[in-house]
Amino acid sequence: MMIEIEIETHDKELGFEMAGVGGSLTSGTIVEIPGGLKVKYDGALMRKAFGLPEVLQFIVDASTNVELGLLAAWLYDKVKSRKTTIVINRRVVSRITQDGILQVLEEEIKTDE
């Protein structure tokens, strides 16, 4: 199962902080997070209309034994001081907390089983 994560943000630096390597941000970059989990940066949707956020896209392969708590902690750590919206498999995370992110991740894994 693939988990698709989208992060809507006006912060132009967030993508670089999450998946930037050597001063560049490239689609297909694999980010290794604590616990050995690999997250693939799948690019960003840039919207041309003024005031709309960009959408950072990530993919996590959950067919292996994924430690969802570590993924939730990593995501929360990256966005906690920013105004963002997180969407996991097209489901909006209503509470941007570590527990709120973890709850949606766990529910999405159970839904797919």
C-alpha atoms as a PDB file:
ATOM      1  CA  MET A   1       0.000   0.000   0.000  1.00  0.00           C
ATOM      2  CA  MET A   2       1.198   3.462  -0.872  1.00  0.00           C
ATOM      3  CA  ILE A   3       0.386   6.362   1.410  1.00  0.00           C
ATOM      4  CA  GLU A   4       0.096   9.669  -0.430  1.00  0.00           C
ATOM      5  CA  ILE A   5       0.806  12.737   1.665  1.00  0.00           C
ATOM      6  CA  GLU A   6       0.180  16.270   0.479  1.00  0.00           C
ATOM      7  CA  ILE A   7       1.219  19.339   2.439  1.00  0.00           C
ATOM      8  CA  GLU A   8      -0.340  22.643   1.432  1.00  0.00           C
ATOM      9  CA  THR A   9       1.836  25.572   2.470  1.00  0.00           C
ATOM     10  CA  HIS A  10       2.736  29.157   1.670  1.00  0.00           C
ATOM     11  CA  ASP A  11       6.205  28.563   3.155  1.00  0.00           C
ATOM     12  CA  LYS A  12       8.592  28.320   0.196  1.00  0.00           C
ATOM     13  CA  GLU A  13      11.360  26.874   2.425  1.00  0.00           C
ATOM     14  CA  LEU A  14       9.404  23.871   3.729  1.00  0.00           C
ATOM     15  CA  GLY A  15      10.040  21.681   0.680  1.00  0.00           C
ATOM     16  CA  PHE A  16      13.788  22.306   0.900  1.00  0.00           C
ATOM     17  CA  GLU A  17      13.805  21.540   4.622  1.00  0.00           C
ATOM     18  CA  MET A  18      11.924  18.277   4.111  1.00  0.00           C
ATOM     19  CA  ALA A  19      13.524  16.930   0.921  1.00  0.00           C
ATOM     20  CA  GLY A  20      16.197  19.304  -0.298  1.00  0.00           C
ATOM     21  CA  VAL A  21      19.608  17.863  -1.141  1.00  0.00           C
ATOM     22  CA  GLY A  22      22.601  20.026  -1.952  1.00  0.00           C
ATOM     23  CA  GLY A  23      20.548  23.176  -2.335  1.00  0.00           C
ATOM     24  CA  SER A  24      18.103  21.668  -4.822  1.00  0.00           C
ATOM     25  CA  LEU A  25      14.673  20.115  -4.581  1.00  0.00           C
ATOM     26  CA  THR A  26      14.110  17.341  -7.107  1.00  0.00           C
ATOM     27  CA  SER A  27      11.124  15.096  -7.682  1.00  0.00           C
ATOM     28  CA  GLY A  28      12.025  11.484  -6.921  1.00  0.00           C
ATOM     29  CA  THR A  29      14.331  12.346  -4.015  1.00  0.00           C
ATOM     30  CA  ILE A  30      14.216   9.713  -1.281  1.00  0.00           C
ATOM     31  CA  VAL A  31      14.290  11.084   2.248  1.00  0.00           C
ATOM     32  CA  GLU A  32      15.300   8.708   5.019  1.00  0.00           C
ATOM     33  CA  ILE A  33      13.636   9.529   8.315  1.00  0.00           C
ATOM     34  CA  PRO A  34      14.281   8.116  11.794  1.00  0.00           C
ATOM     35  CA  GLY A  35      13.637   4.387  12.032  1.00  0.00           C
ATOM     36  CA  GLY A  36      14.917   3.731   8.505  1.00  0.00           C
ATOM     37  CA  LEU A  37      11.632   4.675   6.831  1.00  0.00           C
ATOM     38  CA  LYS A  38      11.994   6.086   3.325  1.00  0.00           C
ATOM     39  CA  VAL A  39       9.740   8.855   2.066  1.00  0.00           C
ATOM     40  CA  LYS A  40       9.764   9.801  -1.617  1.00  0.00           C
ATOM     41  CA  TYR A  41       9.350  13.448  -2.571  1.00  0.00           C
ATOM     42  CA  ASP A  42       7.039  13.346  -5.582  1.00  0.00           C
ATOM     43  CA  GLY A  43       7.192  17.000  -6.548  1.00  0.00           C
ATOM     44  CA  ALA A  44       5.080  20.055  -5.897  1.00  0.00           C
ATOM     45  CA  LEU A  45       2.001  21.517  -7.486  1.00  0.00           C
ATOM     46  CA  MET A  46       2.578  25.197  -8.141  1.00  0.00           C
ATOM     47  CA  ARG A  47      -0.586  27.166  -8.549  1.00  0.00           C
ATOM     48  CA  LYS A  48      -0.534  30.257 -10.716  1.00  0.00           C
ATOM     49  CA  ALA A  49      -3.352  32.129  -9.010  1.00  0.00           C
ATOM     50  CA  PHE A  50      -2.195  34.677  -6.461  1.00  0.00           C
ATOM     51  CA  GLY A  51      -2.430  33.615  -2.819  1.00  0.00           C
ATOM     52  CA  LEU A  52      -2.896  29.883  -3.317  1.00  0.00           C
ATOM     53  CA  PRO A  53      -0.489  27.579  -1.461  1.00  0.00           C
ATOM     54  CA  GLU A  54       1.897  25.212  -3.171  1.00  0.00           C
ATOM     55  CA  VAL A  55       1.264  21.514  -2.545  1.00  0.00           C
ATOM     56  CA  LEU A  56       4.239  19.322  -1.615  1.00  0.00           C
ATOM     57  CA  GLN A  57       3.653  15.676  -2.509  1.00  0.00           C
ATOM     58  CA  PHE A  58       5.219  12.686  -0.756  1.00  0.00           C
ATOM     59  CA  ILE A  59       4.749   8.935  -1.085  1.00  0.00           C
ATOM     60  CA  VAL A  60       5.431   6.334   1.612  1.00  0.00           C
ATOM     61  CA  ASP A  61       5.539   2.627   0.795  1.00  0.00           C
ATOM     62  CA  ALA A  62       3.535   1.092   3.620  1.00  0.00           C
ATOM     63  CA  SER A  63       3.705  -2.450   2.235  1.00  0.00           C
ATOM     64  CA  THR A  64       6.733  -2.948   4.456  1.00  0.00           C
ATOM     65  CA  ASN A  65       6.534  -2.764   8.233  1.00  0.00           C
ATOM     66  CA  VAL A  66       6.044   0.984   8.644  1.00  0.00           C
ATOM     67  CA  GLU A  67       6.377   2.576  12.070  1.00  0.00           C
ATOM     68  CA  LEU A  68       3.527   5.056  11.776  1.00  0.00           C
ATOM     69  CA  GLY A  69       4.444   6.778  15.037  1.00  0.00           C
ATOM     70  CA  LEU A  70       7.862   7.744  13.652  1.00  0.00           C
ATOM     71  CA  LEU A  71       6.302   8.987  10.409  1.00  0.00           C
ATOM     72  CA  ALA A  72       3.754  11.071  12.344  1.00  0.00           C
ATOM     73  CA  ALA A  73       6.495  12.499  14.584  1.00  0.00           C
ATOM     74  CA  TRP A  74       8.671  13.412  11.579  1.00  0.00           C
ATOM     75  CA  LEU A  75       5.788  15.091   9.742  1.00  0.00           C
ATOM     76  CA  TYR A  76       4.684  17.016  12.809  1.00  0.00           C
ATOM     77  CA  ASP A  77       8.236  18.130  13.564  1.00  0.00           C
ATOM     78  CA  LYS A  78       8.529  19.587  10.043  1.00  0.00           C
ATOM     79  CA  VAL A  79       5.222  21.480  10.038  1.00  0.00           C
ATOM     80  CA  LYS A  80       4.554  22.327  13.691  1.00  0.00           C
ATOM     81  CA  SER A  81       5.600  25.968  13.503  1.00  0.00           C
ATOM     82  CA  ARG A  82       4.028  26.622  10.102  1.00  0.00           C
ATOM     83  CA  LYS A  83       0.523  27.189   8.814  1.00  0.00           C
ATOM     84  CA  THR A  84      -0.099  24.091   6.722  1.00  0.00           C
ATOM     85  CA  THR A  85      -2.769  21.648   5.711  1.00  0.00           C
ATOM     86  CA  ILE A  86      -1.888  17.955   5.578  1.00  0.00           C
ATOM     87  CA  VAL A  87      -3.846  15.556   3.394  1.00  0.00           C
ATOM     88  CA  ILE A  88      -3.223  11.797   3.689  1.00  0.00           C
ATOM     89  CA  ASN A  89      -4.741   9.659   0.922  1.00  0.00           C
ATOM     90  CA  ARG A  90      -7.162  12.522   0.126  1.00  0.00           C
ATOM     91  CA  ARG A  91      -8.205  12.819   3.769  1.00  0.00           C
ATOM     92  CA  VAL A  92      -7.554  16.141   5.522  1.00  0.00           C
ATOM     93  CA  VAL A  93      -5.857  15.923   8.912  1.00  0.00           C
ATOM     94  CA  SER A  94      -8.120  18.075  11.069  1.00  0.00           C
ATOM     95  CA  ARG A  95      -5.750  18.307  14.062  1.00  0.00           C
ATOM     96  CA  ILE A  96      -2.171  19.180  13.114  1.00  0.00           C
ATOM     97  CA  THR A  97      -0.605  17.455  16.109  1.00  0.00           C
ATOM     98  CA  GLN A  98       1.526  14.335  16.272  1.00  0.00           C
ATOM     99  CA  ASP A  99      -1.475  12.380  17.596  1.00  0.00           C
ATOM    100  CA  GLY A 100      -3.825  13.850  14.979  1.00  0.00           C
ATOM    101  CA  ILE A 101      -1.485  12.853  12.148  1.00  0.00           C
ATOM    102  CA  LEU A 102      -0.971   9.384  13.651  1.00  0.00           C
ATOM    103  CA  GLN A 103      -4.720   8.846  13.974  1.00  0.00           C
ATOM    104  CA  VAL A 104      -5.324   9.547  10.269  1.00  0.00           C
ATOM    105  CA  LEU A 105      -2.366   7.358   9.235  1.00  0.00           C
ATOM    106  CA  GLU A 106      -3.646   4.444  11.327  1.00  0.00           C
ATOM    107  CA  GLU A 107      -7.199   4.826  10.021  1.00  0.00           C
ATOM    108  CA  GLU A 108      -5.976   4.903   6.421  1.00  0.00           C
ATOM    109  CA  ILE A 109      -3.908   1.729   6.924  1.00  0.00           C
ATOM    110  CA  LYS A 110      -6.910  -0.069   8.492  1.00  0.00           C
ATOM    111  CA  THR A 111      -9.210   1.094   5.676  1.00  0.00           C
ATOM    112  CA  ASP A 112      -6.935  -0.455   3.062  1.00  0.00           C
ATOM    113  CA  GLU A 113      -6.672  -3.857   4.763  1.00  0.00           C
END
